[in-house]
Amino acid sequence: MNCKTCGAEIADNALICYRCGEATHQPERQPPPEHARRRWPVVVLATVFVLSVGFFLSLTFGGRQVDPAVWLMLGAAGVLLAWRLRQ
């Protein structure tokens, strides 16, 4: 097979040309468009949702003072949930 860019003889199963570095095949996957990467509102909303659920659950269980570490874990869970939803 010959390279489409420089005309060098390359192997039939080569992914790139050894001479010019040009790809021999189209990529199987394309990166997501730039606007699809900006989903920070989803991250923020999921975090607020998880934190508010934790807050209201703490009120229903006697209104005891909740350890700040619990809020930190709930916030991290919200961020992880949102990160998963973002993809």
PDB file of N, CA and C in Angstrom:
ATOM      1  N   MET A   1       0.855  -1.163   0.000  1.00  0.00           N
ATOM      2  CA  MET A   1       0.000   0.000   0.000  1.00  0.00           C
ATOM      3  C   MET A   1       0.905   1.232   0.000  1.00  0.00           C
ATOM      4  N   ASN A   2       0.446   2.291  -0.630  1.00  0.00           N
ATOM      5  CA  ASN A   2       1.190   3.546  -0.680  1.00  0.00           C
ATOM      6  C   ASN A   2       0.497   4.602   0.178  1.00  0.00           C
ATOM      7  N   CYS A   3       1.319   5.461   0.792  1.00  0.00           N
ATOM      8  CA  CYS A   3       0.801   6.563   1.604  1.00  0.00           C
ATOM      9  C   CYS A   3       0.098   7.563   0.684  1.00  0.00           C
ATOM     10  N   LYS A   4      -1.056   8.048   1.119  1.00  0.00           N
ATOM     11  CA  LYS A   4      -1.811   9.019   0.324  1.00  0.00           C
ATOM     12  C   LYS A   4      -1.148  10.389   0.306  1.00  0.00           C
ATOM     13  N   THR A   5      -0.332  10.682   1.321  1.00  0.00           N
ATOM     14  CA  THR A   5       0.287  12.002   1.426  1.00  0.00           C
ATOM     15  C   THR A   5       1.631  12.081   0.709  1.00  0.00           C
ATOM     16  N   CYS A   6       2.538  11.149   1.046  1.00  0.00           N
ATOM     17  CA  CYS A   6       3.887  11.248   0.491  1.00  0.00           C
ATOM     18  C   CYS A   6       4.206  10.182  -0.543  1.00  0.00           C
ATOM     19  N   GLY A   7       3.349   9.169  -0.683  1.00  0.00           N
ATOM     20  CA  GLY A   7       3.555   8.131  -1.693  1.00  0.00           C
ATOM     21  C   GLY A   7       4.520   7.037  -1.294  1.00  0.00           C
ATOM     22  N   ALA A   8       4.970   7.019  -0.042  1.00  0.00           N
ATOM     23  CA  ALA A   8       5.907   5.998   0.414  1.00  0.00           C
ATOM     24  C   ALA A   8       5.221   4.642   0.469  1.00  0.00           C
ATOM     25  N   GLU A   9       5.982   3.586   0.225  1.00  0.00           N
ATOM     26  CA  GLU A   9       5.479   2.214   0.318  1.00  0.00           C
ATOM     27  C   GLU A   9       5.402   1.837   1.796  1.00  0.00           C
ATOM     28  N   ILE A  10       4.197   1.490   2.260  1.00  0.00           N
ATOM     29  CA  ILE A  10       4.005   1.118   3.660  1.00  0.00           C
ATOM     30  C   ILE A  10       3.258  -0.200   3.724  1.00  0.00           C
ATOM     31  N   ALA A  11       3.322  -0.839   4.871  1.00  0.00           N
ATOM     32  CA  ALA A  11       2.642  -2.121   5.065  1.00  0.00           C
ATOM     33  C   ALA A  11       1.132  -1.930   4.982  1.00  0.00           C
ATOM     34  N   ASP A  12       0.438  -2.991   4.580  1.00  0.00           N
ATOM     35  CA  ASP A  12      -1.018  -2.919   4.427  1.00  0.00           C
ATOM     36  C   ASP A  12      -1.738  -2.671   5.749  1.00  0.00           C
ATOM     37  N   ASN A  13      -1.171  -3.139   6.853  1.00  0.00           N
ATOM     38  CA  ASN A  13      -1.836  -2.972   8.152  1.00  0.00           C
ATOM     39  C   ASN A  13      -1.237  -1.827   8.972  1.00  0.00           C
ATOM     40  N   ALA A  14      -0.462  -0.947   8.351  1.00  0.00           N
ATOM     41  CA  ALA A  14       0.154   0.179   9.059  1.00  0.00           C
ATOM     42  C   ALA A  14      -0.908   1.192   9.464  1.00  0.00           C
ATOM     43  N   LEU A  15      -0.757   1.734  10.671  1.00  0.00           N
ATOM     44  CA  LEU A  15      -1.686   2.747  11.152  1.00  0.00           C
ATOM     45  C   LEU A  15      -1.260   4.144  10.721  1.00  0.00           C
ATOM     46  N   ILE A  16       0.062   4.360  10.647  1.00  0.00           N
ATOM     47  CA  ILE A  16       0.589   5.648  10.199  1.00  0.00           C
ATOM     48  C   ILE A  16       1.731   5.404   9.223  1.00  0.00           C
ATOM     49  N   CYS A  17       2.028   6.398   8.438  1.00  0.00           N
ATOM     50  CA  CYS A  17       3.153   6.330   7.497  1.00  0.00           C
ATOM     51  C   CYS A  17       4.445   6.558   8.273  1.00  0.00           C
ATOM     52  N   TYR A  18       5.425   5.698   8.062  1.00  0.00           N
ATOM     53  CA  TYR A  18       6.689   5.843   8.776  1.00  0.00           C
ATOM     54  C   TYR A  18       7.475   7.053   8.295  1.00  0.00           C
ATOM     55  N   ARG A  19       7.205   7.530   7.110  1.00  0.00           N
ATOM     56  CA  ARG A  19       7.966   8.650   6.550  1.00  0.00           C
ATOM     57  C   ARG A  19       7.373  10.003   6.964  1.00  0.00           C
ATOM     58  N   CYS A  20       6.085  10.194   6.752  1.00  0.00           N
ATOM     59  CA  CYS A  20       5.490  11.517   7.027  1.00  0.00           C
ATOM     60  C   CYS A  20       4.642  11.559   8.294  1.00  0.00           C
ATOM     61  N   GLY A  21       4.265  10.386   8.850  1.00  0.00           N
ATOM     62  CA  GLY A  21       3.482  10.355  10.077  1.00  0.00           C
ATOM     63  C   GLY A  21       1.984  10.515   9.881  1.00  0.00           C
ATOM     64  N   GLU A  22       1.535  10.555   8.634  1.00  0.00           N
ATOM     65  CA  GLU A  22       0.106  10.706   8.348  1.00  0.00           C
ATOM     66  C   GLU A  22      -0.640   9.405   8.655  1.00  0.00           C
ATOM     67  N   ALA A  23      -1.852   9.527   9.208  1.00  0.00           N
ATOM     68  CA  ALA A  23      -2.670   8.359   9.511  1.00  0.00           C
ATOM     69  C   ALA A  23      -3.132   7.712   8.217  1.00  0.00           C
ATOM     70  N   THR A  24      -3.197   6.390   8.214  1.00  0.00           N
ATOM     71  CA  THR A  24      -3.626   5.679   7.009  1.00  0.00           C
ATOM     72  C   THR A  24      -5.112   5.365   7.020  1.00  0.00           C
ATOM     73  N   HIS A  25      -5.749   5.443   8.182  1.00  0.00           N
ATOM     74  CA  HIS A  25      -7.173   5.153   8.317  1.00  0.00           C
ATOM     75  C   HIS A  25      -7.850   6.293   9.071  1.00  0.00           C
ATOM     76  N   GLN A  26      -9.151   6.401   8.922  1.00  0.00           N
ATOM     77  CA  GLN A  26      -9.926   7.359   9.709  1.00  0.00           C
ATOM     78  C   GLN A  26     -10.065   6.814  11.125  1.00  0.00           C
ATOM     79  N   PRO A  27     -10.024   7.666  12.146  1.00  0.00           N
ATOM     80  CA  PRO A  27     -10.187   7.172  13.517  1.00  0.00           C
ATOM     81  C   PRO A  27     -11.578   6.580  13.716  1.00  0.00           C
ATOM     82  N   GLU A  28     -11.647   5.538  14.550  1.00  0.00           N
ATOM     83  CA  GLU A  28     -12.928   4.885  14.826  1.00  0.00           C
ATOM     84  C   GLU A  28     -13.838   5.757  15.675  1.00  0.00           C
ATOM     85  N   ARG A  29     -13.248   6.512  16.590  1.00  0.00           N
ATOM     86  CA  ARG A  29     -14.038   7.384  17.460  1.00  0.00           C
ATOM     87  C   ARG A  29     -13.578   8.821  17.274  1.00  0.00           C
ATOM     88  N   GLN A  30     -14.525   9.717  17.316  1.00  0.00           N
ATOM     89  CA  GLN A  30     -14.239  11.138  17.253  1.00  0.00           C
ATOM     90  C   GLN A  30     -14.400  11.720  18.652  1.00  0.00           C
ATOM     91  N   PRO A  31     -13.570  12.697  19.041  1.00  0.00           N
ATOM     92  CA  PRO A  31     -13.773  13.321  20.348  1.00  0.00           C
ATOM     93  C   PRO A  31     -15.108  14.065  20.376  1.00  0.00           C
ATOM     94  N   PRO A  32     -15.709  14.179  21.565  1.00  0.00           N
ATOM     95  CA  PRO A  32     -16.989  14.884  21.631  1.00  0.00           C
ATOM     96  C   PRO A  32     -16.809  16.345  21.245  1.00  0.00           C
ATOM     97  N   PRO A  33     -17.852  16.958  20.721  1.00  0.00           N
ATOM     98  CA  PRO A  33     -17.745  18.378  20.384  1.00  0.00           C
ATOM     99  C   PRO A  33     -17.476  19.216  21.628  1.00  0.00           C
ATOM    100  N   GLU A  34     -16.917  20.383  21.416  1.00  0.00           N
ATOM    101  CA  GLU A  34     -16.496  21.246  22.529  1.00  0.00           C
ATOM    102  C   GLU A  34     -17.669  21.614  23.435  1.00  0.00           C
ATOM    103  N   HIS A  35     -18.850  21.858  22.866  1.00  0.00           N
ATOM    104  CA  HIS A  35     -19.980  22.263  23.707  1.00  0.00           C
ATOM    105  C   HIS A  35     -20.459  21.129  24.596  1.00  0.00           C
ATOM    106  N   ALA A  36     -20.184  19.875  24.236  1.00  0.00           N
ATOM    107  CA  ALA A  36     -20.604  18.748  25.064  1.00  0.00           C
ATOM    108  C   ALA A  36     -19.722  18.603  26.303  1.00  0.00           C
ATOM    109  N   ARG A  37     -18.555  19.196  26.307  1.00  0.00           N
ATOM    110  CA  ARG A  37     -17.648  19.089  27.441  1.00  0.00           C
ATOM    111  C   ARG A  37     -18.003  20.066  28.552  1.00  0.00           C
ATOM    112  N   ARG A  38     -18.789  21.068  28.256  1.00  0.00           N
ATOM    113  CA  ARG A  38     -19.126  22.092  29.251  1.00  0.00           C
ATOM    114  C   ARG A  38     -20.422  21.727  29.946  1.00  0.00           C
ATOM    115  N   ARG A  39     -20.329  20.844  30.883  1.00  0.00           N
ATOM    116  CA  ARG A  39     -21.525  20.415  31.612  1.00  0.00           C
ATOM    117  C   ARG A  39     -21.375  20.650  33.104  1.00  0.00           C
ATOM    118  N   TRP A  40     -20.697  21.725  33.470  1.00  0.00           N
ATOM    119  CA  TRP A  40     -20.523  22.017  34.880  1.00  0.00           C
ATOM    120  C   TRP A  40     -21.831  22.292  35.597  1.00  0.00           C
ATOM    121  N   PRO A  41     -22.859  22.829  34.922  1.00  0.00           N
ATOM    122  CA  PRO A  41     -24.135  22.967  35.651  1.00  0.00           C
ATOM    123  C   PRO A  41     -24.677  21.631  36.145  1.00  0.00           C
ATOM    124  N   VAL A  42     -24.437  20.561  35.408  1.00  0.00           N
ATOM    125  CA  VAL A  42     -24.867  19.235  35.859  1.00  0.00           C
ATOM    126  C   VAL A  42     -24.120  18.848  37.127  1.00  0.00           C
ATOM    127  N   VAL A  43     -22.832  19.140  37.170  1.00  0.00           N
ATOM    128  CA  VAL A  43     -22.028  18.821  38.346  1.00  0.00           C
ATOM    129  C   VAL A  43     -22.541  19.594  39.548  1.00  0.00           C
ATOM    130  N   VAL A  44     -22.794  20.873  39.361  1.00  0.00           N
ATOM    131  CA  VAL A  44     -23.254  21.714  40.473  1.00  0.00           C
ATOM    132  C   VAL A  44     -24.636  21.275  40.940  1.00  0.00           C
ATOM    133  N   LEU A  45     -25.551  21.031  40.014  1.00  0.00           N
ATOM    134  CA  LEU A  45     -26.911  20.632  40.401  1.00  0.00           C
ATOM    135  C   LEU A  45     -26.930  19.287  41.111  1.00  0.00           C
ATOM    136  N   ALA A  46     -26.146  18.338  40.643  1.00  0.00           N
ATOM    137  CA  ALA A  46     -26.116  17.034  41.312  1.00  0.00           C
ATOM    138  C   ALA A  46     -25.523  17.155  42.708  1.00  0.00           C
ATOM    139  N   THR A  47     -24.509  17.975  42.868  1.00  0.00           N
ATOM    140  CA  THR A  47     -23.916  18.173  44.191  1.00  0.00           C
ATOM    141  C   THR A  47     -24.912  18.825  45.140  1.00  0.00           C
ATOM    142  N   VAL A  48     -25.601  19.855  44.678  1.00  0.00           N
ATOM    143  CA  VAL A  48     -26.611  20.524  45.507  1.00  0.00           C
ATOM    144  C   VAL A  48     -27.739  19.553  45.848  1.00  0.00           C
ATOM    145  N   PHE A  49     -28.130  18.719  44.893  1.00  0.00           N
ATOM    146  CA  PHE A  49     -29.190  17.743  45.143  1.00  0.00           C
ATOM    147  C   PHE A  49     -28.786  16.764  46.244  1.00  0.00           C
ATOM    148  N   VAL A  50     -27.594  16.202  46.128  1.00  0.00           N
ATOM    149  CA  VAL A  50     -27.156  15.225  47.128  1.00  0.00           C
ATOM    150  C   VAL A  50     -27.010  15.879  48.498  1.00  0.00           C
ATOM    151  N   LEU A  51     -26.463  17.092  48.528  1.00  0.00           N
ATOM    152  CA  LEU A  51     -26.332  17.783  49.812  1.00  0.00           C
ATOM    153  C   LEU A  51     -27.689  18.123  50.420  1.00  0.00           C
ATOM    154  N   SER A  52     -28.647  18.526  49.589  1.00  0.00           N
ATOM    155  CA  SER A  52     -29.971  18.851  50.134  1.00  0.00           C
ATOM    156  C   SER A  52     -30.691  17.596  50.620  1.00  0.00           C
ATOM    157  N   VAL A  53     -30.520  16.486  49.930  1.00  0.00           N
ATOM    158  CA  VAL A  53     -31.109  15.238  50.415  1.00  0.00           C
ATOM    159  C   VAL A  53     -30.503  14.878  51.767  1.00  0.00           C
ATOM    160  N   GLY A  54     -29.199  15.019  51.886  1.00  0.00           N
ATOM    161  CA  GLY A  54     -28.556  14.754  53.182  1.00  0.00           C
ATOM    162  C   GLY A  54     -29.050  15.681  54.270  1.00  0.00           C
ATOM    163  N   PHE A  55     -29.251  16.946  53.926  1.00  0.00           N
ATOM    164  CA  PHE A  55     -29.748  17.909  54.909  1.00  0.00           C
ATOM    165  C   PHE A  55     -31.141  17.530  55.395  1.00  0.00           C
ATOM    166  N   PHE A  56     -32.036  17.216  54.462  1.00  0.00           N
ATOM    167  CA  PHE A  56     -33.407  16.883  54.864  1.00  0.00           C
ATOM    168  C   PHE A  56     -33.481  15.538  55.574  1.00  0.00           C
ATOM    169  N   LEU A  57     -32.609  14.611  55.215  1.00  0.00           N
ATOM    170  CA  LEU A  57     -32.569  13.359  55.967  1.00  0.00           C
ATOM    171  C   LEU A  57     -32.080  13.581  57.385  1.00  0.00           C
ATOM    172  N   SER A  58     -31.133  14.505  57.565  1.00  0.00           N
ATOM    173  CA  SER A  58     -30.664  14.789  58.923  1.00  0.00           C
ATOM    174  C   SER A  58     -31.766  15.428  59.761  1.00  0.00           C
ATOM    175  N   LEU A  59     -32.647  16.198  59.124  1.00  0.00           N
ATOM    176  CA  LEU A  59     -33.774  16.784  59.864  1.00  0.00           C
ATOM    177  C   LEU A  59     -34.790  15.727  60.270  1.00  0.00           C
ATOM    178  N   THR A  60     -34.982  14.731  59.437  1.00  0.00           N
ATOM    179  CA  THR A  60     -35.979  13.710  59.753  1.00  0.00           C
ATOM    180  C   THR A  60     -35.495  12.738  60.814  1.00  0.00           C
ATOM    181  N   PHE A  61     -34.193  12.630  61.006  1.00  0.00           N
ATOM    182  CA  PHE A  61     -33.669  11.715  62.017  1.00  0.00           C
ATOM    183  C   PHE A  61     -33.324  12.449  63.304  1.00  0.00           C
ATOM    184  N   GLY A  62     -34.236  13.232  63.790  1.00  0.00           N
ATOM    185  CA  GLY A  62     -34.089  13.846  65.096  1.00  0.00           C
ATOM    186  C   GLY A  62     -33.435  15.209  65.106  1.00  0.00           C
ATOM    187  N   GLY A  63     -32.998  15.725  63.984  1.00  0.00           N
ATOM    188  CA  GLY A  63     -32.399  17.043  63.940  1.00  0.00           C
ATOM    189  C   GLY A  63     -31.074  17.155  64.671  1.00  0.00           C
ATOM    190  N   ARG A  64     -30.393  16.027  64.857  1.00  0.00           N
ATOM    191  CA  ARG A  64     -29.100  16.071  65.532  1.00  0.00           C
ATOM    192  C   ARG A  64     -28.067  16.762  64.658  1.00  0.00           C
ATOM    193  N   GLN A  65     -27.045  17.294  65.309  1.00  0.00           N
ATOM    194  CA  GLN A  65     -25.955  17.945  64.589  1.00  0.00           C
ATOM    195  C   GLN A  65     -25.188  16.888  63.781  1.00  0.00           C
ATOM    196  N   VAL A  66     -24.984  17.181  62.508  1.00  0.00           N
ATOM    197  CA  VAL A  66     -24.303  16.242  61.627  1.00  0.00           C
ATOM    198  C   VAL A  66     -22.839  16.623  61.542  1.00  0.00           C
ATOM    199  N   ASP A  67     -21.981  15.633  61.630  1.00  0.00           N
ATOM    200  CA  ASP A  67     -20.537  15.841  61.556  1.00  0.00           C
ATOM    201  C   ASP A  67     -20.166  16.455  60.200  1.00  0.00           C
ATOM    202  N   PRO A  68     -19.286  17.439  60.154  1.00  0.00           N
ATOM    203  CA  PRO A  68     -18.888  18.054  58.882  1.00  0.00           C
ATOM    204  C   PRO A  68     -18.280  17.058  57.892  1.00  0.00           C
ATOM    205  N   ALA A  69     -17.695  15.980  58.381  1.00  0.00           N
ATOM    206  CA  ALA A  69     -17.138  14.967  57.484  1.00  0.00           C
ATOM    207  C   ALA A  69     -18.240  14.308  56.659  1.00  0.00           C
ATOM    208  N   VAL A  70     -19.426  14.189  57.265  1.00  0.00           N
ATOM    209  CA  VAL A  70     -20.560  13.611  56.527  1.00  0.00           C
ATOM    210  C   VAL A  70     -20.940  14.525  55.370  1.00  0.00           C
ATOM    211  N   TRP A  71     -20.953  15.839  55.608  1.00  0.00           N
ATOM    212  CA  TRP A  71     -21.279  16.781  54.530  1.00  0.00           C
ATOM    213  C   TRP A  71     -20.212  16.733  53.438  1.00  0.00           C
ATOM    214  N   LEU A  72     -18.978  16.569  53.834  1.00  0.00           N
ATOM    215  CA  LEU A  72     -17.900  16.468  52.859  1.00  0.00           C
ATOM    216  C   LEU A  72     -18.062  15.214  51.995  1.00  0.00           C
ATOM    217  N   MET A  73     -18.425  14.105  52.634  1.00  0.00           N
ATOM    218  CA  MET A  73     -18.641  12.868  51.873  1.00  0.00           C
ATOM    219  C   MET A  73     -19.856  12.991  50.962  1.00  0.00           C
ATOM    220  N   LEU A  74     -20.923  13.630  51.447  1.00  0.00           N
ATOM    221  CA  LEU A  74     -22.092  13.831  50.598  1.00  0.00           C
ATOM    222  C   LEU A  74     -21.764  14.731  49.403  1.00  0.00           C
ATOM    223  N   GLY A  75     -20.979  15.756  49.625  1.00  0.00           N
ATOM    224  CA  GLY A  75     -20.566  16.619  48.525  1.00  0.00           C
ATOM    225  C   GLY A  75     -19.724  15.860  47.512  1.00  0.00           C
ATOM    226  N   ALA A  76     -18.812  15.031  48.001  1.00  0.00           N
ATOM    227  CA  ALA A  76     -17.987  14.222  47.094  1.00  0.00           C
ATOM    228  C   ALA A  76     -18.860  13.242  46.322  1.00  0.00           C
ATOM    229  N   ALA A  77     -19.860  12.667  46.973  1.00  0.00           N
ATOM    230  CA  ALA A  77     -20.763  11.750  46.274  1.00  0.00           C
ATOM    231  C   ALA A  77     -21.534  12.488  45.187  1.00  0.00           C
ATOM    232  N   GLY A  78     -21.951  13.713  45.466  1.00  0.00           N
ATOM    233  CA  GLY A  78     -22.646  14.500  44.450  1.00  0.00           C
ATOM    234  C   GLY A  78     -21.759  14.809  43.263  1.00  0.00           C
ATOM    235  N   VAL A  79     -20.506  15.149  43.538  1.00  0.00           N
ATOM    236  CA  VAL A  79     -19.574  15.431  42.444  1.00  0.00           C
ATOM    237  C   VAL A  79     -19.325  14.181  41.614  1.00  0.00           C
ATOM    238  N   LEU A  80     -19.133  13.045  42.276  1.00  0.00           N
ATOM    239  CA  LEU A  80     -18.913  11.795  41.534  1.00  0.00           C
ATOM    240  C   LEU A  80     -20.140  11.409  40.714  1.00  0.00           C
ATOM    241  N   LEU A  81     -21.322  11.585  41.270  1.00  0.00           N
ATOM    242  CA  LEU A  81     -22.546  11.292  40.538  1.00  0.00           C
ATOM    243  C   LEU A  81     -22.654  12.185  39.309  1.00  0.00           C
ATOM    244  N   ALA A  82     -22.404  13.457  39.493  1.00  0.00           N
ATOM    245  CA  ALA A  82     -22.492  14.389  38.377  1.00  0.00           C
ATOM    246  C   ALA A  82     -21.427  14.093  37.324  1.00  0.00           C
ATOM    247  N   TRP A  83     -20.238  13.739  37.779  1.00  0.00           N
ATOM    248  CA  TRP A  83     -19.170  13.417  36.831  1.00  0.00           C
ATOM    249  C   TRP A  83     -19.564  12.220  35.982  1.00  0.00           C
ATOM    250  N   ARG A  84     -20.213  11.249  36.605  1.00  0.00           N
ATOM    251  CA  ARG A  84     -20.666  10.062  35.867  1.00  0.00           C
ATOM    252  C   ARG A  84     -21.795  10.427  34.896  1.00  0.00           C
ATOM    253  N   LEU A  85     -22.699  11.289  35.309  1.00  0.00           N
ATOM    254  CA  LEU A  85     -23.792  11.710  34.439  1.00  0.00           C
ATOM    255  C   LEU A  85     -23.279  12.541  33.284  1.00  0.00           C
ATOM    256  N   ARG A  86     -22.186  13.243  33.492  1.00  0.00           N
ATOM    257  CA  ARG A  86     -21.627  14.128  32.475  1.00  0.00           C
ATOM    258  C   ARG A  86     -21.127  13.344  31.279  1.00  0.00           C
ATOM    259  N   GLN A  87     -20.675  12.138  31.469  1.00  0.00           N
ATOM    260  CA  GLN A  87     -20.069  11.394  30.379  1.00  0.00           C
ATOM    261  C   GLN A  87     -21.066  10.795  29.491  1.00  0.00           C
TER     262      GLN A  87
END
